[in-house]
């Protein structure tokens, strides 16, 4: 299992709109092949910062199956304009 981690910095004043858009976007990602689960959490110290955690069966399920799909274009249209700067996405695998 792979854990995708992205720190999302949302433009000031856009958090409510981002959360509404994410409510729609999560329907897209949850239907993708290899998807296991996800969480979106809001930072307590930095009001416009979120962390997105997505569990995938394999790295390719995210990097190829999702990122190269038509559904990703919908995800991108819904969410990417909210970010400043654009997030770095990293992948982790369980050690223990």
PDB file of N, CA and C in Angstrom:
ATOM      1  N   UNK A   1       0.838  -1.178   0.000  1.00  0.00           N
ATOM      2  CA  UNK A   1       0.000   0.000   0.000  1.00  0.00           C
ATOM      3  C   UNK A   1       0.884   1.244   0.000  1.00  0.00           C
ATOM      4  N   UNK A   2       0.469   2.257  -0.734  1.00  0.00           N
ATOM      5  CA  UNK A   2       1.206   3.510  -0.879  1.00  0.00           C
ATOM      6  C   UNK A   2       0.366   4.634  -0.276  1.00  0.00           C
ATOM      7  N   UNK A   3       1.035   5.539   0.439  1.00  0.00           N
ATOM      8  CA  UNK A   3       0.376   6.720   0.987  1.00  0.00           C
ATOM      9  C   UNK A   3       0.858   7.941   0.223  1.00  0.00           C
ATOM     10  N   UNK A   4      -0.060   8.601  -0.437  1.00  0.00           N
ATOM     11  CA  UNK A   4       0.214   9.870  -1.120  1.00  0.00           C
ATOM     12  C   UNK A   4      -0.008  10.981  -0.108  1.00  0.00           C
ATOM     13  N   UNK A   5       0.939  11.916  -0.024  1.00  0.00           N
ATOM     14  CA  UNK A   5       0.856  13.024   0.925  1.00  0.00           C
ATOM     15  C   UNK A   5       1.045  14.338   0.175  1.00  0.00           C
ATOM     16  N   UNK A   6       0.102  15.255   0.352  1.00  0.00           N
ATOM     17  CA  UNK A   6       0.209  16.577  -0.275  1.00  0.00           C
ATOM     18  C   UNK A   6      -0.201  17.631   0.752  1.00  0.00           C
ATOM     19  N   UNK A   7       0.668  18.618   0.941  1.00  0.00           N
ATOM     20  CA  UNK A   7       0.336  19.784   1.752  1.00  0.00           C
ATOM     21  C   UNK A   7      -0.279  20.801   0.797  1.00  0.00           C
ATOM     22  N   UNK A   8      -1.501  21.200   1.078  1.00  0.00           N
ATOM     23  CA  UNK A   8      -2.242  22.091   0.193  1.00  0.00           C
ATOM     24  C   UNK A   8      -2.381  23.463   0.836  1.00  0.00           C
ATOM     25  N   UNK A   9      -1.757  24.452   0.245  1.00  0.00           N
ATOM     26  CA  UNK A   9      -1.896  25.832   0.695  1.00  0.00           C
ATOM     27  C   UNK A   9      -2.911  26.510  -0.207  1.00  0.00           C
ATOM     28  N   UNK A  10      -4.064  26.829   0.376  1.00  0.00           N
ATOM     29  CA  UNK A  10      -5.173  27.402  -0.366  1.00  0.00           C
ATOM     30  C   UNK A  10      -5.083  28.925  -0.288  1.00  0.00           C
ATOM     31  N   UNK A  11      -5.369  29.592  -1.380  1.00  0.00           N
ATOM     32  CA  UNK A  11      -5.323  31.049  -1.422  1.00  0.00           C
ATOM     33  C   UNK A  11      -6.217  31.641  -0.330  1.00  0.00           C
ATOM     34  N   UNK A  12      -5.751  32.714   0.272  1.00  0.00           N
ATOM     35  CA  UNK A  12      -6.498  33.382   1.344  1.00  0.00           C
ATOM     36  C   UNK A  12      -7.905  33.732   0.866  1.00  0.00           C
ATOM     37  N   UNK A  13      -8.869  33.478   1.726  1.00  0.00           N
ATOM     38  CA  UNK A  13     -10.257  33.787   1.419  1.00  0.00           C
ATOM     39  C   UNK A  13     -10.961  32.763   0.557  1.00  0.00           C
ATOM     40  N   UNK A  14     -10.267  31.674   0.201  1.00  0.00           N
ATOM     41  CA  UNK A  14     -10.828  30.680  -0.708  1.00  0.00           C
ATOM     42  C   UNK A  14     -11.135  29.337  -0.032  1.00  0.00           C
ATOM     43  N   UNK A  15     -10.979  29.264   1.296  1.00  0.00           N
ATOM     44  CA  UNK A  15     -11.111  27.955   1.959  1.00  0.00           C
ATOM     45  C   UNK A  15     -12.519  27.369   1.844  1.00  0.00           C
ATOM     46  N   UNK A  16     -13.547  28.177   1.991  1.00  0.00           N
ATOM     47  CA  UNK A  16     -14.920  27.649   1.890  1.00  0.00           C
ATOM     48  C   UNK A  16     -15.181  27.118   0.486  1.00  0.00           C
ATOM     49  N   UNK A  17     -14.770  27.861  -0.520  1.00  0.00           N
ATOM     50  CA  UNK A  17     -14.961  27.410  -1.907  1.00  0.00           C
ATOM     51  C   UNK A  17     -14.138  26.155  -2.182  1.00  0.00           C
ATOM     52  N   UNK A  18     -12.906  26.099  -1.639  1.00  0.00           N
ATOM     53  CA  UNK A  18     -12.073  24.911  -1.804  1.00  0.00           C
ATOM     54  C   UNK A  18     -12.747  23.690  -1.190  1.00  0.00           C
ATOM     55  N   UNK A  19     -13.244  23.825   0.025  1.00  0.00           N
ATOM     56  CA  UNK A  19     -13.885  22.687   0.687  1.00  0.00           C
ATOM     57  C   UNK A  19     -15.113  22.215  -0.083  1.00  0.00           C
ATOM     58  N   UNK A  20     -15.879  23.136  -0.635  1.00  0.00           N
ATOM     59  CA  UNK A  20     -17.039  22.759  -1.445  1.00  0.00           C
ATOM     60  C   UNK A  20     -16.601  22.026  -2.709  1.00  0.00           C
ATOM     61  N   UNK A  21     -15.555  22.525  -3.350  1.00  0.00           N
ATOM     62  CA  UNK A  21     -15.040  21.871  -4.560  1.00  0.00           C
ATOM     63  C   UNK A  21     -14.466  20.498  -4.224  1.00  0.00           C
ATOM     64  N   UNK A  22     -13.790  20.384  -3.078  1.00  0.00           N
ATOM     65  CA  UNK A  22     -13.225  19.094  -2.694  1.00  0.00           C
ATOM     66  C   UNK A  22     -14.331  18.071  -2.435  1.00  0.00           C
ATOM     67  N   UNK A  23     -15.458  18.521  -1.899  1.00  0.00           N
ATOM     68  CA  UNK A  23     -16.585  17.604  -1.670  1.00  0.00           C
ATOM     69  C   UNK A  23     -17.011  16.945  -2.981  1.00  0.00           C
ATOM     70  N   UNK A  24     -16.932  17.679  -4.079  1.00  0.00           N
ATOM     71  CA  UNK A  24     -17.226  17.121  -5.398  1.00  0.00           C
ATOM     72  C   UNK A  24     -16.068  16.272  -5.901  1.00  0.00           C
ATOM     73  N   UNK A  25     -14.851  16.790  -5.777  1.00  0.00           N
ATOM     74  CA  UNK A  25     -13.668  16.117  -6.312  1.00  0.00           C
ATOM     75  C   UNK A  25     -13.419  14.757  -5.659  1.00  0.00           C
ATOM     76  N   UNK A  26     -13.762  14.634  -4.385  1.00  0.00           N
ATOM     77  CA  UNK A  26     -13.496  13.351  -3.717  1.00  0.00           C
ATOM     78  C   UNK A  26     -14.318  12.216  -4.313  1.00  0.00           C
ATOM     79  N   UNK A  27     -15.429  12.541  -4.943  1.00  0.00           N
ATOM     80  CA  UNK A  27     -16.225  11.518  -5.626  1.00  0.00           C
ATOM     81  C   UNK A  27     -15.462  10.953  -6.823  1.00  0.00           C
ATOM     82  N   UNK A  28     -14.650  11.802  -7.433  1.00  0.00           N
ATOM     83  CA  UNK A  28     -13.853  11.375  -8.591  1.00  0.00           C
ATOM     84  C   UNK A  28     -12.771  10.404  -8.149  1.00  0.00           C
ATOM     85  N   UNK A  29     -11.979  10.815  -7.178  1.00  0.00           N
ATOM     86  CA  UNK A  29     -10.821  10.004  -6.775  1.00  0.00           C
ATOM     87  C   UNK A  29     -11.257   8.676  -6.154  1.00  0.00           C
ATOM     88  N   UNK A  30     -12.350   8.689  -5.430  1.00  0.00           N
ATOM     89  CA  UNK A  30     -12.768   7.460  -4.743  1.00  0.00           C
ATOM     90  C   UNK A  30     -13.257   6.380  -5.703  1.00  0.00           C
ATOM     91  N   UNK A  31     -13.508   6.751  -6.960  1.00  0.00           N
ATOM     92  CA  UNK A  31     -13.938   5.770  -7.948  1.00  0.00           C
ATOM     93  C   UNK A  31     -12.816   5.225  -8.819  1.00  0.00           C
ATOM     94  N   UNK A  32     -11.591   5.649  -8.546  1.00  0.00           N
ATOM     95  CA  UNK A  32     -10.460   5.247  -9.386  1.00  0.00           C
ATOM     96  C   UNK A  32      -9.940   3.857  -9.018  1.00  0.00           C
ATOM     97  N   UNK A  33      -9.415   3.149  -9.999  1.00  0.00           N
ATOM     98  CA  UNK A  33      -8.808   1.845  -9.763  1.00  0.00           C
ATOM     99  C   UNK A  33      -7.622   1.973  -8.824  1.00  0.00           C
ATOM    100  N   UNK A  34      -7.530   1.077  -7.862  1.00  0.00           N
ATOM    101  CA  UNK A  34      -6.422   1.079  -6.913  1.00  0.00           C
ATOM    102  C   UNK A  34      -6.598   2.016  -5.741  1.00  0.00           C
ATOM    103  N   UNK A  35      -7.653   2.828  -5.757  1.00  0.00           N
ATOM    104  CA  UNK A  35      -7.942   3.720  -4.635  1.00  0.00           C
ATOM    105  C   UNK A  35      -8.343   2.900  -3.413  1.00  0.00           C
ATOM    106  N   UNK A  36      -7.814   3.275  -2.241  1.00  0.00           N
ATOM    107  CA  UNK A  36      -8.166   2.593  -1.001  1.00  0.00           C
ATOM    108  C   UNK A  36      -8.960   3.524  -0.080  1.00  0.00           C
ATOM    109  N   UNK A  37      -8.414   4.713   0.214  1.00  0.00           N
ATOM    110  CA  UNK A  37      -9.090   5.662   1.102  1.00  0.00           C
ATOM    111  C   UNK A  37      -8.399   7.021   1.009  1.00  0.00           C
ATOM    112  N   UNK A  38      -9.035   8.028   1.584  1.00  0.00           N
ATOM    113  CA  UNK A  38      -8.413   9.345   1.651  1.00  0.00           C
ATOM    114  C   UNK A  38      -8.901  10.114   2.873  1.00  0.00           C
ATOM    115  N   UNK A  39      -8.123  11.123   3.234  1.00  0.00           N
ATOM    116  CA  UNK A  39      -8.475  12.053   4.307  1.00  0.00           C
ATOM    117  C   UNK A  39      -8.031  13.437   3.874  1.00  0.00           C
ATOM    118  N   UNK A  40      -8.831  14.425   4.170  1.00  0.00           N
ATOM    119  CA  UNK A  40      -8.444  15.824   4.023  1.00  0.00           C
ATOM    120  C   UNK A  40      -8.552  16.436   5.407  1.00  0.00           C
ATOM    121  N   UNK A  41      -7.440  16.974   5.890  1.00  0.00           N
ATOM    122  CA  UNK A  41      -7.436  17.570   7.223  1.00  0.00           C
ATOM    123  C   UNK A  41      -6.982  19.018   7.126  1.00  0.00           C
ATOM    124  N   UNK A  42      -7.588  19.861   7.963  1.00  0.00           N
ATOM    125  CA  UNK A  42      -7.270  21.294   7.981  1.00  0.00           C
ATOM    126  C   UNK A  42      -6.309  21.574   9.128  1.00  0.00           C
ATOM    127  N   UNK A  43      -5.294  22.379   8.856  1.00  0.00           N
ATOM    128  CA  UNK A  43      -4.288  22.723   9.859  1.00  0.00           C
ATOM    129  C   UNK A  43      -4.879  23.678  10.900  1.00  0.00           C
ATOM    130  N   UNK A  44      -4.562  23.452  12.154  1.00  0.00           N
ATOM    131  CA  UNK A  44      -5.036  24.321  13.225  1.00  0.00           C
ATOM    132  C   UNK A  44      -4.215  25.605  13.330  1.00  0.00           C
ATOM    133  N   UNK A  45      -2.933  25.520  13.028  1.00  0.00           N
ATOM    134  CA  UNK A  45      -2.053  26.682  13.170  1.00  0.00           C
ATOM    135  C   UNK A  45      -2.051  27.602  11.950  1.00  0.00           C
ATOM    136  N   UNK A  46      -2.266  27.030  10.780  1.00  0.00           N
ATOM    137  CA  UNK A  46      -2.242  27.809   9.533  1.00  0.00           C
ATOM    138  C   UNK A  46      -3.618  27.644   8.887  1.00  0.00           C
ATOM    139  N   UNK A  47      -4.482  28.639   9.014  1.00  0.00           N
ATOM    140  CA  UNK A  47      -5.893  28.470   8.640  1.00  0.00           C
ATOM    141  C   UNK A  47      -6.170  28.087   7.189  1.00  0.00           C
ATOM    142  N   UNK A  48      -5.290  28.411   6.258  1.00  0.00           N
ATOM    143  CA  UNK A  48      -5.562  28.076   4.858  1.00  0.00           C
ATOM    144  C   UNK A  48      -4.733  26.886   4.374  1.00  0.00           C
ATOM    145  N   UNK A  49      -4.206  26.101   5.305  1.00  0.00           N
ATOM    146  CA  UNK A  49      -3.390  24.939   4.929  1.00  0.00           C
ATOM    147  C   UNK A  49      -4.118  23.644   5.270  1.00  0.00           C
ATOM    148  N   UNK A  50      -4.014  22.695   4.340  1.00  0.00           N
ATOM    149  CA  UNK A  50      -4.638  21.372   4.486  1.00  0.00           C
ATOM    150  C   UNK A  50      -3.583  20.316   4.192  1.00  0.00           C
ATOM    151  N   UNK A  51      -3.860  19.101   4.646  1.00  0.00           N
ATOM    152  CA  UNK A  51      -3.058  17.953   4.237  1.00  0.00           C
ATOM    153  C   UNK A  51      -4.018  16.935   3.621  1.00  0.00           C
ATOM    154  N   UNK A  52      -3.617  16.436   2.470  1.00  0.00           N
ATOM    155  CA  UNK A  52      -4.389  15.400   1.791  1.00  0.00           C
ATOM    156  C   UNK A  52      -3.599  14.110   1.861  1.00  0.00           C
ATOM    157  N   UNK A  53      -4.227  13.087   2.385  1.00  0.00           N
ATOM    158  CA  UNK A  53      -3.632  11.756   2.494  1.00  0.00           C
ATOM    159  C   UNK A  53      -4.502  10.806   1.673  1.00  0.00           C
ATOM    160  N   UNK A  54      -3.892  10.161   0.687  1.00  0.00           N
ATOM    161  CA  UNK A  54      -4.627   9.207  -0.149  1.00  0.00           C
ATOM    162  C   UNK A  54      -3.870   7.890  -0.133  1.00  0.00           C
ATOM    163  N   UNK A  55      -4.586   6.827   0.136  1.00  0.00           N
ATOM    164  CA  UNK A  55      -3.986   5.494   0.116  1.00  0.00           C
ATOM    165  C   UNK A  55      -4.347   4.815  -1.202  1.00  0.00           C
ATOM    166  N   UNK A  56      -3.293   4.295  -1.861  1.00  0.00           N
ATOM    167  CA  UNK A  56      -3.424   3.596  -3.128  1.00  0.00           C
ATOM    168  C   UNK A  56      -2.854   2.193  -2.970  1.00  0.00           C
ATOM    169  N   UNK A  57      -3.338   1.270  -3.752  1.00  0.00           N
ATOM    170  CA  UNK A  57      -2.783  -0.080  -3.710  1.00  0.00           C
ATOM    171  C   UNK A  57      -1.351  -0.087  -4.222  1.00  0.00           C
ATOM    172  N   UNK A  58      -1.074   0.638  -5.307  1.00  0.00           N
ATOM    173  CA  UNK A  58       0.279   0.706  -5.865  1.00  0.00           C
ATOM    174  C   UNK A  58       0.593   2.154  -6.260  1.00  0.00           C
ATOM    175  N   UNK A  59       1.857   2.452  -6.425  1.00  0.00           N
ATOM    176  CA  UNK A  59       2.274   3.778  -6.887  1.00  0.00           C
ATOM    177  C   UNK A  59       1.696   4.074  -8.267  1.00  0.00           C
ATOM    178  N   UNK A  60       1.725   3.088  -9.146  1.00  0.00           N
ATOM    179  CA  UNK A  60       1.210   3.275 -10.502  1.00  0.00           C
ATOM    180  C   UNK A  60      -0.286   3.575 -10.520  1.00  0.00           C
ATOM    181  N   UNK A  61      -1.025   3.093  -9.529  1.00  0.00           N
ATOM    182  CA  UNK A  61      -2.455   3.420  -9.461  1.00  0.00           C
ATOM    183  C   UNK A  61      -2.651   4.929  -9.387  1.00  0.00           C
ATOM    184  N   UNK A  62      -1.738   5.626  -8.709  1.00  0.00           N
ATOM    185  CA  UNK A  62      -1.823   7.082  -8.625  1.00  0.00           C
ATOM    186  C   UNK A  62      -1.166   7.758  -9.818  1.00  0.00           C
ATOM    187  N   UNK A  63       0.107   7.429 -10.039  1.00  0.00           N
ATOM    188  CA  UNK A  63       0.901   8.168 -11.025  1.00  0.00           C
ATOM    189  C   UNK A  63       0.511   7.890 -12.473  1.00  0.00           C
ATOM    190  N   UNK A  64      -0.014   6.719 -12.741  1.00  0.00           N
ATOM    191  CA  UNK A  64      -0.430   6.375 -14.101  1.00  0.00           C
ATOM    192  C   UNK A  64      -1.955   6.304 -14.184  1.00  0.00           C
ATOM    193  N   UNK A  65      -2.545   5.423 -13.382  1.00  0.00           N
ATOM    194  CA  UNK A  65      -3.987   5.197 -13.453  1.00  0.00           C
ATOM    195  C   UNK A  65      -4.821   6.435 -13.219  1.00  0.00           C
ATOM    196  N   UNK A  66      -4.464   7.232 -12.221  1.00  0.00           N
ATOM    197  CA  UNK A  66      -5.225   8.441 -11.936  1.00  0.00           C
ATOM    198  C   UNK A  66      -4.698   9.639 -12.717  1.00  0.00           C
ATOM    199  N   UNK A  67      -3.417   9.894 -12.610  1.00  0.00           N
ATOM    200  CA  UNK A  67      -2.854  11.113 -13.201  1.00  0.00           C
ATOM    201  C   UNK A  67      -2.946  11.152 -14.723  1.00  0.00           C
ATOM    202  N   UNK A  68      -3.076  10.014 -15.370  1.00  0.00           N
ATOM    203  CA  UNK A  68      -3.164   9.995 -16.830  1.00  0.00           C
ATOM    204  C   UNK A  68      -4.593   9.733 -17.316  1.00  0.00           C
ATOM    205  N   UNK A  69      -5.553   9.921 -16.426  1.00  0.00           N
ATOM    206  CA  UNK A  69      -6.952   9.632 -16.768  1.00  0.00           C
ATOM    207  C   UNK A  69      -7.724  10.904 -17.106  1.00  0.00           C
ATOM    208  N   UNK A  70      -8.851  10.716 -17.765  1.00  0.00           N
ATOM    209  CA  UNK A  70      -9.768  11.831 -18.030  1.00  0.00           C
ATOM    210  C   UNK A  70     -10.332  12.370 -16.717  1.00  0.00           C
ATOM    211  N   UNK A  71     -10.516  11.491 -15.750  1.00  0.00           N
ATOM    212  CA  UNK A  71     -11.039  11.911 -14.447  1.00  0.00           C
ATOM    213  C   UNK A  71     -10.094  12.891 -13.759  1.00  0.00           C
ATOM    214  N   UNK A  72      -8.785  12.719 -13.981  1.00  0.00           N
ATOM    215  CA  UNK A  72      -7.818  13.644 -13.384  1.00  0.00           C
ATOM    216  C   UNK A  72      -8.019  15.053 -13.933  1.00  0.00           C
ATOM    217  N   UNK A  73      -8.400  15.177 -15.181  1.00  0.00           N
ATOM    218  CA  UNK A  73      -8.641  16.499 -15.758  1.00  0.00           C
ATOM    219  C   UNK A  73      -9.812  17.187 -15.057  1.00  0.00           C
ATOM    220  N   UNK A  74     -10.816  16.419 -14.674  1.00  0.00           N
ATOM    221  CA  UNK A  74     -11.940  16.967 -13.897  1.00  0.00           C
ATOM    222  C   UNK A  74     -11.471  17.389 -12.511  1.00  0.00           C
ATOM    223  N   UNK A  75     -10.667  16.539 -11.852  1.00  0.00           N
ATOM    224  CA  UNK A  75     -10.091  16.831 -10.537  1.00  0.00           C
ATOM    225  C   UNK A  75      -9.295  18.130 -10.610  1.00  0.00           C
ATOM    226  N   UNK A  76      -8.460  18.215 -11.611  1.00  0.00           N
ATOM    227  CA  UNK A  76      -7.612  19.385 -11.807  1.00  0.00           C
ATOM    228  C   UNK A  76      -8.444  20.658 -11.991  1.00  0.00           C
ATOM    229  N   UNK A  77      -9.477  20.575 -12.804  1.00  0.00           N
ATOM    230  CA  UNK A  77     -10.335  21.743 -13.049  1.00  0.00           C
ATOM    231  C   UNK A  77     -11.051  22.197 -11.779  1.00  0.00           C
ATOM    232  N   UNK A  78     -11.428  21.254 -10.952  1.00  0.00           N
ATOM    233  CA  UNK A  78     -12.114  21.591  -9.703  1.00  0.00           C
ATOM    234  C   UNK A  78     -11.186  22.206  -8.658  1.00  0.00           C
ATOM    235  N   UNK A  79      -9.931  21.746  -8.577  1.00  0.00           N
ATOM    236  CA  UNK A  79      -9.103  22.067  -7.414  1.00  0.00           C
ATOM    237  C   UNK A  79      -7.843  22.891  -7.657  1.00  0.00           C
ATOM    238  N   UNK A  80      -7.182  22.711  -8.767  1.00  0.00           N
ATOM    239  CA  UNK A  80      -5.829  23.247  -8.903  1.00  0.00           C
ATOM    240  C   UNK A  80      -5.740  24.768  -8.841  1.00  0.00           C
ATOM    241  N   UNK A  81      -6.783  25.467  -9.201  1.00  0.00           N
ATOM    242  CA  UNK A  81      -6.735  26.931  -9.165  1.00  0.00           C
ATOM    243  C   UNK A  81      -6.764  27.502  -7.746  1.00  0.00           C
ATOM    244  N   UNK A  82      -7.016  26.665  -6.747  1.00  0.00           N
ATOM    245  CA  UNK A  82      -7.047  27.130  -5.352  1.00  0.00           C
ATOM    246  C   UNK A  82      -5.660  27.213  -4.718  1.00  0.00           C
ATOM    247  N   UNK A  83      -4.655  26.562  -5.288  1.00  0.00           N
ATOM    248  CA  UNK A  83      -3.370  26.389  -4.612  1.00  0.00           C
ATOM    249  C   UNK A  83      -2.369  27.500  -4.917  1.00  0.00           C
ATOM    250  N   UNK A  84      -1.690  27.946  -3.860  1.00  0.00           N
ATOM    251  CA  UNK A  84      -0.588  28.895  -4.003  1.00  0.00           C
ATOM    252  C   UNK A  84       0.356  28.725  -2.821  1.00  0.00           C
ATOM    253  N   UNK A  85       1.516  28.123  -3.058  1.00  0.00           N
ATOM    254  CA  UNK A  85       2.025  27.595  -4.321  1.00  0.00           C
ATOM    255  C   UNK A  85       1.404  26.236  -4.638  1.00  0.00           C
ATOM    256  N   UNK A  86       1.690  25.744  -5.840  1.00  0.00           N
ATOM    257  CA  UNK A  86       1.197  24.427  -6.215  1.00  0.00           C
ATOM    258  C   UNK A  86       1.886  23.382  -5.336  1.00  0.00           C
ATOM    259  N   UNK A  87       1.133  22.419  -4.811  1.00  0.00           N
ATOM    260  CA  UNK A  87       1.713  21.464  -3.854  1.00  0.00           C
ATOM    261  C   UNK A  87       2.679  20.456  -4.470  1.00  0.00           C
ATOM    262  N   UNK A  88       3.622  20.048  -3.654  1.00  0.00           N
ATOM    263  CA  UNK A  88       4.483  18.913  -3.973  1.00  0.00           C
ATOM    264  C   UNK A  88       3.785  17.678  -3.424  1.00  0.00           C
ATOM    265  N   UNK A  89       3.726  16.639  -4.223  1.00  0.00           N
ATOM    266  CA  UNK A  89       3.102  15.386  -3.804  1.00  0.00           C
ATOM    267  C   UNK A  89       4.197  14.355  -3.621  1.00  0.00           C
ATOM    268  N   UNK A  90       4.179  13.686  -2.467  1.00  0.00           N
ATOM    269  CA  UNK A  90       5.166  12.650  -2.189  1.00  0.00           C
ATOM    270  C   UNK A  90       4.438  11.361  -1.833  1.00  0.00           C
ATOM    271  N   UNK A  91       5.153  10.251  -1.994  1.00  0.00           N
ATOM    272  CA  UNK A  91       4.582   8.928  -1.753  1.00  0.00           C
ATOM    273  C   UNK A  91       5.405   8.197  -0.696  1.00  0.00           C
ATOM    274  N   UNK A  92       4.719   7.489   0.170  1.00  0.00           N
ATOM    275  CA  UNK A  92       5.360   6.778   1.276  1.00  0.00           C
ATOM    276  C   UNK A  92       4.867   5.342   1.298  1.00  0.00           C
ATOM    277  N   UNK A  93       5.749   4.470   1.815  1.00  0.00           N
ATOM    278  CA  UNK A  93       5.337   3.091   2.058  1.00  0.00           C
ATOM    279  C   UNK A  93       5.646   2.751   3.508  1.00  0.00           C
ATOM    280  N   UNK A  94       4.816   1.875   4.055  1.00  0.00           N
ATOM    281  CA  UNK A  94       4.925   1.512   5.458  1.00  0.00           C
ATOM    282  C   UNK A  94       6.245   0.782   5.737  1.00  0.00           C
ATOM    283  N   UNK A  95       6.888   1.155   6.823  1.00  0.00           N
ATOM    284  CA  UNK A  95       8.101   0.486   7.269  1.00  0.00           C
ATOM    285  C   UNK A  95       7.752  -0.492   8.376  1.00  0.00           C
ATOM    286  N   UNK A  96       6.996  -0.041   9.345  1.00  0.00           N
ATOM    287  CA  UNK A  96       6.544  -0.902  10.458  1.00  0.00           C
ATOM    288  C   UNK A  96       5.048  -0.920  10.523  1.00  0.00           C
TER     289      UNK A  96
END
